[in-house]
Amino acid sequence: MEIIAYAYEADTHCIACTVKRFSDELGSKMNFTRCVDENGVWDDPQCPTLDNEGNPIHPMFSTDEWQEFEEGFLAENPTQYLACGDCHTIIEEYTHEDGED
């Protein structure tokens, strides 16, 4: 399982924007390397990194489902994108092929 993005402030964010956004917070905690994930983002359930809304940030993994599979939606949007809410970079892309149902 690989982290592909993070969820916070009711949106999805790429790894680079997440690291940039929380770098100040990381600086004071970096000596606790056992509590830092593979991207250097603080990952300790006892002392989570919080967004501006007071909610903990969550990693999104390569195995997580982020696509919308509703039949009407798929017909109109066969290609879906997971994009960063900050820099708008496309993180992942999914294209529904006819007959995949």
PDB file of N, CA and C in Angstrom:
ATOM      1  N   MET A   1       0.838  -1.184   0.000  1.00  0.00           N
ATOM      2  CA  MET A   1       0.000   0.000   0.000  1.00  0.00           C
ATOM      3  C   MET A   1       0.876   1.239   0.000  1.00  0.00           C
ATOM      4  N   GLU A   2       0.552   2.130  -0.882  1.00  0.00           N
ATOM      5  CA  GLU A   2       1.318   3.359  -1.042  1.00  0.00           C
ATOM      6  C   GLU A   2       0.392   4.552  -0.803  1.00  0.00           C
ATOM      7  N   ILE A   3       0.887   5.559  -0.092  1.00  0.00           N
ATOM      8  CA  ILE A   3       0.109   6.781   0.107  1.00  0.00           C
ATOM      9  C   ILE A   3       0.160   7.572  -1.198  1.00  0.00           C
ATOM     10  N   ILE A   4      -1.033   7.948  -1.723  1.00  0.00           N
ATOM     11  CA  ILE A   4      -1.076   8.723  -2.962  1.00  0.00           C
ATOM     12  C   ILE A   4      -1.530  10.161  -2.734  1.00  0.00           C
ATOM     13  N   ALA A   5      -2.191  10.419  -1.594  1.00  0.00           N
ATOM     14  CA  ALA A   5      -2.718  11.747  -1.310  1.00  0.00           C
ATOM     15  C   ALA A   5      -3.120  11.808   0.168  1.00  0.00           C
ATOM     16  N   TYR A   6      -3.600  12.967   0.574  1.00  0.00           N
ATOM     17  CA  TYR A   6      -4.106  13.143   1.933  1.00  0.00           C
ATOM     18  C   TYR A   6      -5.454  13.840   1.863  1.00  0.00           C
ATOM     19  N   ALA A   7      -6.318  13.549   2.829  1.00  0.00           N
ATOM     20  CA  ALA A   7      -7.625  14.190   2.921  1.00  0.00           C
ATOM     21  C   ALA A   7      -7.649  15.079   4.160  1.00  0.00           C
ATOM     22  N   TYR A   8      -7.959  16.344   3.931  1.00  0.00           N
ATOM     23  CA  TYR A   8      -8.164  17.289   5.024  1.00  0.00           C
ATOM     24  C   TYR A   8      -8.910  18.497   4.491  1.00  0.00           C
ATOM     25  N   GLU A   9      -9.545  19.221   5.390  1.00  0.00           N
ATOM     26  CA  GLU A   9     -10.358  20.385   5.065  1.00  0.00           C
ATOM     27  C   GLU A   9     -11.344  20.081   3.936  1.00  0.00           C
ATOM     28  N   ALA A  10     -11.998  18.918   4.047  1.00  0.00           N
ATOM     29  CA  ALA A  10     -13.047  18.480   3.127  1.00  0.00           C
ATOM     30  C   ALA A  10     -12.595  18.437   1.675  1.00  0.00           C
ATOM     31  N   ASP A  11     -11.336  18.083   1.450  1.00  0.00           N
ATOM     32  CA  ASP A  11     -10.806  17.995   0.092  1.00  0.00           C
ATOM     33  C   ASP A  11      -9.647  17.010   0.067  1.00  0.00           C
ATOM     34  N   THR A  12      -9.181  16.711  -1.131  1.00  0.00           N
ATOM     35  CA  THR A  12      -8.034  15.848  -1.338  1.00  0.00           C
ATOM     36  C   THR A  12      -6.842  16.707  -1.721  1.00  0.00           C
ATOM     37  N   HIS A  13      -5.659  16.353  -1.212  1.00  0.00           N
ATOM     38  CA  HIS A  13      -4.458  17.140  -1.481  1.00  0.00           C
ATOM     39  C   HIS A  13      -3.301  16.206  -1.832  1.00  0.00           C
ATOM     40  N   CYS A  14      -2.468  16.633  -2.788  1.00  0.00           N
ATOM     41  CA  CYS A  14      -1.318  15.824  -3.187  1.00  0.00           C
ATOM     42  C   CYS A  14      -0.286  15.800  -2.061  1.00  0.00           C
ATOM     43  N   ILE A  15       0.662  14.911  -2.184  1.00  0.00           N
ATOM     44  CA  ILE A  15       1.701  14.753  -1.166  1.00  0.00           C
ATOM     45  C   ILE A  15       2.509  16.039  -1.023  1.00  0.00           C
ATOM     46  N   ALA A  16       2.920  16.632  -2.140  1.00  0.00           N
ATOM     47  CA  ALA A  16       3.751  17.840  -2.093  1.00  0.00           C
ATOM     48  C   ALA A  16       3.048  18.983  -1.370  1.00  0.00           C
ATOM     49  N   CYS A  17       1.776  19.219  -1.666  1.00  0.00           N
ATOM     50  CA  CYS A  17       1.037  20.295  -0.999  1.00  0.00           C
ATOM     51  C   CYS A  17       0.823  20.000   0.481  1.00  0.00           C
ATOM     52  N   THR A  18       0.613  18.748   0.824  1.00  0.00           N
ATOM     53  CA  THR A  18       0.438  18.374   2.223  1.00  0.00           C
ATOM     54  C   THR A  18       1.719  18.604   3.006  1.00  0.00           C
ATOM     55  N   VAL A  19       2.837  18.171   2.459  1.00  0.00           N
ATOM     56  CA  VAL A  19       4.122  18.369   3.140  1.00  0.00           C
ATOM     57  C   VAL A  19       4.408  19.865   3.283  1.00  0.00           C
ATOM     58  N   LYS A  20       4.143  20.632   2.215  1.00  0.00           N
ATOM     59  CA  LYS A  20       4.380  22.078   2.269  1.00  0.00           C
ATOM     60  C   LYS A  20       3.488  22.739   3.322  1.00  0.00           C
ATOM     61  N   ARG A  21       2.243  22.344   3.366  1.00  0.00           N
ATOM     62  CA  ARG A  21       1.254  22.937   4.282  1.00  0.00           C
ATOM     63  C   ARG A  21       1.578  22.653   5.745  1.00  0.00           C
ATOM     64  N   PHE A  22       2.081  21.458   6.030  1.00  0.00           N
ATOM     65  CA  PHE A  22       2.316  21.069   7.417  1.00  0.00           C
ATOM     66  C   PHE A  22       3.792  21.033   7.785  1.00  0.00           C
ATOM     67  N   SER A  23       4.638  21.664   6.998  1.00  0.00           N
ATOM     68  CA  SER A  23       6.082  21.608   7.265  1.00  0.00           C
ATOM     69  C   SER A  23       6.467  22.304   8.568  1.00  0.00           C
ATOM     70  N   ASP A  24       5.829  23.407   8.926  1.00  0.00           N
ATOM     71  CA  ASP A  24       6.154  24.098  10.177  1.00  0.00           C
ATOM     72  C   ASP A  24       5.854  23.207  11.370  1.00  0.00           C
ATOM     73  N   GLU A  25       4.736  22.538  11.311  1.00  0.00           N
ATOM     74  CA  GLU A  25       4.345  21.639  12.384  1.00  0.00           C
ATOM     75  C   GLU A  25       5.322  20.465  12.481  1.00  0.00           C
ATOM     76  N   LEU A  26       5.756  20.002  11.319  1.00  0.00           N
ATOM     77  CA  LEU A  26       6.693  18.876  11.303  1.00  0.00           C
ATOM     78  C   LEU A  26       8.032  19.253  11.911  1.00  0.00           C
ATOM     79  N   GLY A  27       8.474  20.476  11.681  1.00  0.00           N
ATOM     80  CA  GLY A  27       9.784  20.885  12.160  1.00  0.00           C
ATOM     81  C   GLY A  27       9.964  20.669  13.648  1.00  0.00           C
ATOM     82  N   SER A  28       8.933  20.928  14.418  1.00  0.00           N
ATOM     83  CA  SER A  28       9.048  20.776  15.867  1.00  0.00           C
ATOM     84  C   SER A  28       8.932  19.328  16.315  1.00  0.00           C
ATOM     85  N   LYS A  29       8.461  18.444  15.441  1.00  0.00           N
ATOM     86  CA  LYS A  29       8.228  17.061  15.827  1.00  0.00           C
ATOM     87  C   LYS A  29       9.173  16.086  15.130  1.00  0.00           C
ATOM     88  N   MET A  30      10.004  16.549  14.213  1.00  0.00           N
ATOM     89  CA  MET A  30      10.797  15.664  13.370  1.00  0.00           C
ATOM     90  C   MET A  30      11.736  14.745  14.144  1.00  0.00           C
ATOM     91  N   ASN A  31      12.111  15.092  15.362  1.00  0.00           N
ATOM     92  CA  ASN A  31      13.009  14.213  16.099  1.00  0.00           C
ATOM     93  C   ASN A  31      12.305  12.932  16.558  1.00  0.00           C
ATOM     94  N   PHE A  32      11.008  12.851  16.378  1.00  0.00           N
ATOM     95  CA  PHE A  32      10.265  11.641  16.699  1.00  0.00           C
ATOM     96  C   PHE A  32       9.982  10.877  15.408  1.00  0.00           C
ATOM     97  N   THR A  33      11.016  10.366  14.760  1.00  0.00           N
ATOM     98  CA  THR A  33      10.872   9.778  13.430  1.00  0.00           C
ATOM     99  C   THR A  33       9.961   8.560  13.393  1.00  0.00           C
ATOM    100  N   ARG A  34       9.756   7.881  14.498  1.00  0.00           N
ATOM    101  CA  ARG A  34       8.865   6.728  14.486  1.00  0.00           C
ATOM    102  C   ARG A  34       7.415   7.140  14.270  1.00  0.00           C
ATOM    103  N   CYS A  35       7.092   8.415  14.451  1.00  0.00           N
ATOM    104  CA  CYS A  35       5.728   8.913  14.295  1.00  0.00           C
ATOM    105  C   CYS A  35       5.539   9.688  12.993  1.00  0.00           C
ATOM    106  N   VAL A  36       6.431   9.512  12.036  1.00  0.00           N
ATOM    107  CA  VAL A  36       6.351  10.209  10.765  1.00  0.00           C
ATOM    108  C   VAL A  36       6.150   9.166   9.673  1.00  0.00           C
ATOM    109  N   ASP A  37       5.207   9.411   8.764  1.00  0.00           N
ATOM    110  CA  ASP A  37       4.964   8.435   7.701  1.00  0.00           C
ATOM    111  C   ASP A  37       6.038   8.533   6.611  1.00  0.00           C
ATOM    112  N   GLU A  38       5.870   7.759   5.554  1.00  0.00           N
ATOM    113  CA  GLU A  38       6.870   7.670   4.489  1.00  0.00           C
ATOM    114  C   GLU A  38       7.120   8.988   3.768  1.00  0.00           C
ATOM    115  N   ASN A  39       6.201   9.953   3.895  1.00  0.00           N
ATOM    116  CA  ASN A  39       6.361  11.249   3.238  1.00  0.00           C
ATOM    117  C   ASN A  39       6.795  12.351   4.201  1.00  0.00           C
ATOM    118  N   GLY A  40       7.041  11.992   5.443  1.00  0.00           N
ATOM    119  CA  GLY A  40       7.463  12.965   6.429  1.00  0.00           C
ATOM    120  C   GLY A  40       6.317  13.708   7.093  1.00  0.00           C
ATOM    121  N   VAL A  41       5.100  13.196   6.959  1.00  0.00           N
ATOM    122  CA  VAL A  41       3.929  13.818   7.579  1.00  0.00           C
ATOM    123  C   VAL A  41       3.695  13.156   8.931  1.00  0.00           C
ATOM    124  N   TRP A  42       3.514  13.979   9.947  1.00  0.00           N
ATOM    125  CA  TRP A  42       3.311  13.510  11.321  1.00  0.00           C
ATOM    126  C   TRP A  42       2.138  12.557  11.382  1.00  0.00           C
ATOM    127  N   ASP A  43       2.354  11.369  11.947  1.00  0.00           N
ATOM    128  CA  ASP A  43       1.348  10.308  11.934  1.00  0.00           C
ATOM    129  C   ASP A  43       1.331   9.607  13.287  1.00  0.00           C
ATOM    130  N   ASP A  44       0.761  10.267  14.281  1.00  0.00           N
ATOM    131  CA  ASP A  44       0.682   9.694  15.618  1.00  0.00           C
ATOM    132  C   ASP A  44      -0.746   9.833  16.130  1.00  0.00           C
ATOM    133  N   PRO A  45      -1.451   8.717  16.348  1.00  0.00           N
ATOM    134  CA  PRO A  45      -2.845   8.795  16.797  1.00  0.00           C
ATOM    135  C   PRO A  45      -3.009   9.515  18.140  1.00  0.00           C
ATOM    136  N   GLN A  46      -1.983   9.515  18.955  1.00  0.00           N
ATOM    137  CA  GLN A  46      -2.064  10.188  20.256  1.00  0.00           C
ATOM    138  C   GLN A  46      -1.947  11.706  20.133  1.00  0.00           C
ATOM    139  N   CYS A  47      -1.325  12.174  19.057  1.00  0.00           N
ATOM    140  CA  CYS A  47      -1.116  13.607  18.851  1.00  0.00           C
ATOM    141  C   CYS A  47      -1.191  13.885  17.347  1.00  0.00           C
ATOM    142  N   PRO A  48      -2.396  13.788  16.739  1.00  0.00           N
ATOM    143  CA  PRO A  48      -2.518  13.900  15.290  1.00  0.00           C
ATOM    144  C   PRO A  48      -2.283  15.320  14.775  1.00  0.00           C
ATOM    145  N   THR A  49      -1.903  15.408  13.515  1.00  0.00           N
ATOM    146  CA  THR A  49      -1.818  16.692  12.839  1.00  0.00           C
ATOM    147  C   THR A  49      -3.240  17.112  12.489  1.00  0.00           C
ATOM    148  N   LEU A  50      -3.620  18.323  12.856  1.00  0.00           N
ATOM    149  CA  LEU A  50      -4.978  18.805  12.637  1.00  0.00           C
ATOM    150  C   LEU A  50      -5.013  19.857  11.542  1.00  0.00           C
ATOM    151  N   ASP A  51      -6.111  19.875  10.782  1.00  0.00           N
ATOM    152  CA  ASP A  51      -6.292  20.903   9.761  1.00  0.00           C
ATOM    153  C   ASP A  51      -6.922  22.143  10.404  1.00  0.00           C
ATOM    154  N   ASN A  52      -7.261  23.145   9.601  1.00  0.00           N
ATOM    155  CA  ASN A  52      -7.849  24.383  10.126  1.00  0.00           C
ATOM    156  C   ASN A  52      -9.226  24.181  10.745  1.00  0.00           C
ATOM    157  N   GLU A  53      -9.871  23.054  10.429  1.00  0.00           N
ATOM    158  CA  GLU A  53     -11.184  22.764  10.991  1.00  0.00           C
ATOM    159  C   GLU A  53     -11.090  21.939  12.276  1.00  0.00           C
ATOM    160  N   GLY A  54      -9.861  21.626  12.699  1.00  0.00           N
ATOM    161  CA  GLY A  54      -9.657  20.849  13.915  1.00  0.00           C
ATOM    162  C   GLY A  54      -9.754  19.354  13.723  1.00  0.00           C
ATOM    163  N   ASN A  55      -9.793  18.894  12.474  1.00  0.00           N
ATOM    164  CA  ASN A  55      -9.884  17.466  12.178  1.00  0.00           C
ATOM    165  C   ASN A  55      -8.512  16.916  11.801  1.00  0.00           C
ATOM    166  N   PRO A  56      -8.236  15.664  12.162  1.00  0.00           N
ATOM    167  CA  PRO A  56      -6.947  15.072  11.780  1.00  0.00           C
ATOM    168  C   PRO A  56      -6.863  14.854  10.270  1.00  0.00           C
ATOM    169  N   ILE A  57      -5.677  14.994   9.719  1.00  0.00           N
ATOM    170  CA  ILE A  57      -5.499  14.699   8.301  1.00  0.00           C
ATOM    171  C   ILE A  57      -5.392  13.185   8.136  1.00  0.00           C
ATOM    172  N   HIS A  58      -5.826  12.684   6.987  1.00  0.00           N
ATOM    173  CA  HIS A  58      -5.841  11.245   6.740  1.00  0.00           C
ATOM    174  C   HIS A  58      -5.136  10.922   5.435  1.00  0.00           C
ATOM    175  N   PRO A  59      -4.258   9.932   5.444  1.00  0.00           N
ATOM    176  CA  PRO A  59      -3.652   9.511   4.183  1.00  0.00           C
ATOM    177  C   PRO A  59      -4.665   8.762   3.325  1.00  0.00           C
ATOM    178  N   MET A  60      -4.524   8.885   2.018  1.00  0.00           N
ATOM    179  CA  MET A  60      -5.311   8.102   1.069  1.00  0.00           C
ATOM    180  C   MET A  60      -4.334   7.143   0.404  1.00  0.00           C
ATOM    181  N   PHE A  61      -4.683   5.873   0.375  1.00  0.00           N
ATOM    182  CA  PHE A  61      -3.789   4.842  -0.142  1.00  0.00           C
ATOM    183  C   PHE A  61      -4.166   4.442  -1.565  1.00  0.00           C
ATOM    184  N   SER A  62      -3.235   3.815  -2.239  1.00  0.00           N
ATOM    185  CA  SER A  62      -3.453   3.372  -3.620  1.00  0.00           C
ATOM    186  C   SER A  62      -4.603   2.379  -3.722  1.00  0.00           C
ATOM    187  N   THR A  63      -4.967   1.739  -2.633  1.00  0.00           N
ATOM    188  CA  THR A  63      -6.056   0.761  -2.636  1.00  0.00           C
ATOM    189  C   THR A  63      -7.412   1.366  -2.253  1.00  0.00           C
ATOM    190  N   ASP A  64      -7.445   2.628  -1.858  1.00  0.00           N
ATOM    191  CA  ASP A  64      -8.697   3.281  -1.473  1.00  0.00           C
ATOM    192  C   ASP A  64      -9.558   3.559  -2.704  1.00  0.00           C
ATOM    193  N   GLU A  65     -10.869   3.437  -2.544  1.00  0.00           N
ATOM    194  CA  GLU A  65     -11.794   3.761  -3.623  1.00  0.00           C
ATOM    195  C   GLU A  65     -12.161   5.235  -3.524  1.00  0.00           C
ATOM    196  N   TRP A  66     -11.932   5.968  -4.572  1.00  0.00           N
ATOM    197  CA  TRP A  66     -12.302   7.378  -4.630  1.00  0.00           C
ATOM    198  C   TRP A  66     -13.219   7.669  -5.810  1.00  0.00           C
ATOM    199  N   GLN A  67     -13.444   6.669  -6.668  1.00  0.00           N
ATOM    200  CA  GLN A  67     -14.253   6.855  -7.858  1.00  0.00           C
ATOM    201  C   GLN A  67     -15.741   6.821  -7.526  1.00  0.00           C
ATOM    202  N   GLU A  68     -16.537   7.412  -8.394  1.00  0.00           N
ATOM    203  CA  GLU A  68     -17.991   7.365  -8.289  1.00  0.00           C
ATOM    204  C   GLU A  68     -18.491   6.328  -9.280  1.00  0.00           C
ATOM    205  N   PHE A  69     -19.137   5.257  -8.799  1.00  0.00           N
ATOM    206  CA  PHE A  69     -19.550   4.153  -9.652  1.00  0.00           C
ATOM    207  C   PHE A  69     -21.044   4.147  -9.973  1.00  0.00           C
ATOM    208  N   GLU A  70     -21.762   5.179  -9.623  1.00  0.00           N
ATOM    209  CA  GLU A  70     -23.190   5.234  -9.896  1.00  0.00           C
ATOM    210  C   GLU A  70     -23.417   5.218 -11.409  1.00  0.00           C
ATOM    211  N   GLU A  71     -24.346   4.405 -11.867  1.00  0.00           N
ATOM    212  CA  GLU A  71     -24.541   4.147 -13.299  1.00  0.00           C
ATOM    213  C   GLU A  71     -24.723   5.434 -14.122  1.00  0.00           C
ATOM    214  N   GLY A  72     -25.599   6.308 -13.723  1.00  0.00           N
ATOM    215  CA  GLY A  72     -25.828   7.554 -14.468  1.00  0.00           C
ATOM    216  C   GLY A  72     -24.599   8.438 -14.501  1.00  0.00           C
ATOM    217  N   PHE A  73     -23.887   8.490 -13.395  1.00  0.00           N
ATOM    218  CA  PHE A  73     -22.680   9.310 -13.321  1.00  0.00           C
ATOM    219  C   PHE A  73     -21.603   8.748 -14.239  1.00  0.00           C
ATOM    220  N   LEU A  74     -21.424   7.423 -14.244  1.00  0.00           N
ATOM    221  CA  LEU A  74     -20.413   6.793 -15.094  1.00  0.00           C
ATOM    222  C   LEU A  74     -20.696   7.006 -16.578  1.00  0.00           C
ATOM    223  N   ALA A  75     -21.964   6.982 -16.955  1.00  0.00           N
ATOM    224  CA  ALA A  75     -22.311   7.183 -18.356  1.00  0.00           C
ATOM    225  C   ALA A  75     -21.899   8.576 -18.830  1.00  0.00           C
ATOM    226  N   GLU A  76     -22.070   9.571 -17.975  1.00  0.00           N
ATOM    227  CA  GLU A  76     -21.716  10.945 -18.335  1.00  0.00           C
ATOM    228  C   GLU A  76     -20.245  11.255 -18.087  1.00  0.00           C
ATOM    229  N   ASN A  77     -19.615  10.531 -17.176  1.00  0.00           N
ATOM    230  CA  ASN A  77     -18.230  10.808 -16.780  1.00  0.00           C
ATOM    231  C   ASN A  77     -17.417   9.519 -16.750  1.00  0.00           C
ATOM    232  N   PRO A  78     -17.132   8.924 -17.897  1.00  0.00           N
ATOM    233  CA  PRO A  78     -16.394   7.653 -17.881  1.00  0.00           C
ATOM    234  C   PRO A  78     -14.958   7.806 -17.383  1.00  0.00           C
ATOM    235  N   THR A  79     -14.377   8.988 -17.550  1.00  0.00           N
ATOM    236  CA  THR A  79     -13.033   9.242 -17.011  1.00  0.00           C
ATOM    237  C   THR A  79     -13.165  10.178 -15.827  1.00  0.00           C
ATOM    238  N   GLN A  80     -12.633   9.731 -14.700  1.00  0.00           N
ATOM    239  CA  GLN A  80     -12.691  10.514 -13.469  1.00  0.00           C
ATOM    240  C   GLN A  80     -11.284  10.810 -12.985  1.00  0.00           C
ATOM    241  N   TYR A  81     -11.135  11.939 -12.329  1.00  0.00           N
ATOM    242  CA  TYR A  81      -9.824  12.378 -11.867  1.00  0.00           C
ATOM    243  C   TYR A  81      -9.848  12.649 -10.373  1.00  0.00           C
ATOM    244  N   LEU A  82      -8.785  12.248  -9.700  1.00  0.00           N
ATOM    245  CA  LEU A  82      -8.558  12.627  -8.313  1.00  0.00           C
ATOM    246  C   LEU A  82      -7.520  13.738  -8.386  1.00  0.00           C
ATOM    247  N   ALA A  83      -7.923  14.949  -8.047  1.00  0.00           N
ATOM    248  CA  ALA A  83      -7.043  16.108  -8.200  1.00  0.00           C
ATOM    249  C   ALA A  83      -6.809  16.788  -6.861  1.00  0.00           C
ATOM    250  N   CYS A  84      -5.679  17.461  -6.751  1.00  0.00           N
ATOM    251  CA  CYS A  84      -5.314  18.198  -5.542  1.00  0.00           C
ATOM    252  C   CYS A  84      -6.178  19.447  -5.430  1.00  0.00           C
ATOM    253  N   GLY A  85      -6.720  19.681  -4.264  1.00  0.00           N
ATOM    254  CA  GLY A  85      -7.541  20.861  -4.014  1.00  0.00           C
ATOM    255  C   GLY A  85      -6.749  22.145  -3.942  1.00  0.00           C
ATOM    256  N   ASP A  86      -5.418  22.049  -3.832  1.00  0.00           N
ATOM    257  CA  ASP A  86      -4.581  23.247  -3.771  1.00  0.00           C
ATOM    258  C   ASP A  86      -3.982  23.585  -5.133  1.00  0.00           C
ATOM    259  N   CYS A  87      -3.161  22.708  -5.663  1.00  0.00           N
ATOM    260  CA  CYS A  87      -2.427  22.991  -6.903  1.00  0.00           C
ATOM    261  C   CYS A  87      -3.135  22.440  -8.140  1.00  0.00           C
ATOM    262  N   HIS A  88      -4.194  21.662  -7.957  1.00  0.00           N
ATOM    263  CA  HIS A  88      -5.024  21.094  -9.025  1.00  0.00           C
ATOM    264  C   HIS A  88      -4.295  20.069  -9.900  1.00  0.00           C
ATOM    265  N   THR A  89      -3.175  19.548  -9.429  1.00  0.00           N
ATOM    266  CA  THR A  89      -2.477  18.470 -10.118  1.00  0.00           C
ATOM    267  C   THR A  89      -3.335  17.215 -10.079  1.00  0.00           C
ATOM    268  N   ILE A  90      -3.364  16.469 -11.178  1.00  0.00           N
ATOM    269  CA  ILE A  90      -4.099  15.208 -11.201  1.00  0.00           C
ATOM    270  C   ILE A  90      -3.256  14.153 -10.489  1.00  0.00           C
ATOM    271  N   ILE A  91      -3.811  13.578  -9.436  1.00  0.00           N
ATOM    272  CA  ILE A  91      -3.116  12.588  -8.615  1.00  0.00           C
ATOM    273  C   ILE A  91      -3.315  11.193  -9.197  1.00  0.00           C
ATOM    274  N   GLU A  92      -4.545  10.858  -9.529  1.00  0.00           N
ATOM    275  CA  GLU A  92      -4.899   9.562 -10.110  1.00  0.00           C
ATOM    276  C   GLU A  92      -5.977   9.783 -11.155  1.00  0.00           C
ATOM    277  N   GLU A  93      -6.077   8.844 -12.077  1.00  0.00           N
ATOM    278  CA  GLU A  93      -7.099   8.881 -13.128  1.00  0.00           C
ATOM    279  C   GLU A  93      -7.722   7.498 -13.242  1.00  0.00           C
ATOM    280  N   TYR A  94      -9.035   7.472 -13.440  1.00  0.00           N
ATOM    281  CA  TYR A  94      -9.749   6.218 -13.629  1.00  0.00           C
ATOM    282  C   TYR A  94     -10.652   6.352 -14.838  1.00  0.00           C
ATOM    283  N   THR A  95     -10.568   5.408 -15.770  1.00  0.00           N
ATOM    284  CA  THR A  95     -11.452   5.387 -16.928  1.00  0.00           C
ATOM    285  C   THR A  95     -12.267   4.108 -16.897  1.00  0.00           C
ATOM    286  N   HIS A  96     -13.559   4.260 -16.884  1.00  0.00           N
ATOM    287  CA  HIS A  96     -14.484   3.128 -16.873  1.00  0.00           C
ATOM    288  C   HIS A  96     -14.622   2.598 -18.293  1.00  0.00           C
ATOM    289  N   GLU A  97     -14.374   1.331 -18.468  1.00  0.00           N
ATOM    290  CA  GLU A  97     -14.522   0.683 -19.773  1.00  0.00           C
ATOM    291  C   GLU A  97     -15.897   0.030 -19.837  1.00  0.00           C
ATOM    292  N   ASP A  98     -16.579   0.148 -20.977  1.00  0.00           N
ATOM    293  CA  ASP A  98     -17.871  -0.529 -21.141  1.00  0.00           C
ATOM    294  C   ASP A  98     -17.721  -2.019 -20.895  1.00  0.00           C
ATOM    295  N   GLY A  99     -18.663  -2.576 -20.168  1.00  0.00           N
ATOM    296  CA  GLY A  99     -18.616  -4.007 -19.867  1.00  0.00           C
ATOM    297  C   GLY A  99     -17.871  -4.322 -18.575  1.00  0.00           C
ATOM    298  N   GLU A 100     -17.410  -3.332 -17.828  1.00  0.00           N
ATOM    299  CA  GLU A 100     -16.687  -3.569 -16.561  1.00  0.00           C
ATOM    300  C   GLU A 100     -17.635  -3.810 -15.403  1.00  0.00           C
ATOM    301  N   ASP A 101     -18.925  -3.626 -15.597  1.00  0.00           N
ATOM    302  CA  ASP A 101     -19.868  -3.696 -14.472  1.00  0.00           C
ATOM    303  C   ASP A 101     -19.857  -4.994 -13.788  1.00  0.00           C
TER     304      ASP A 101
END
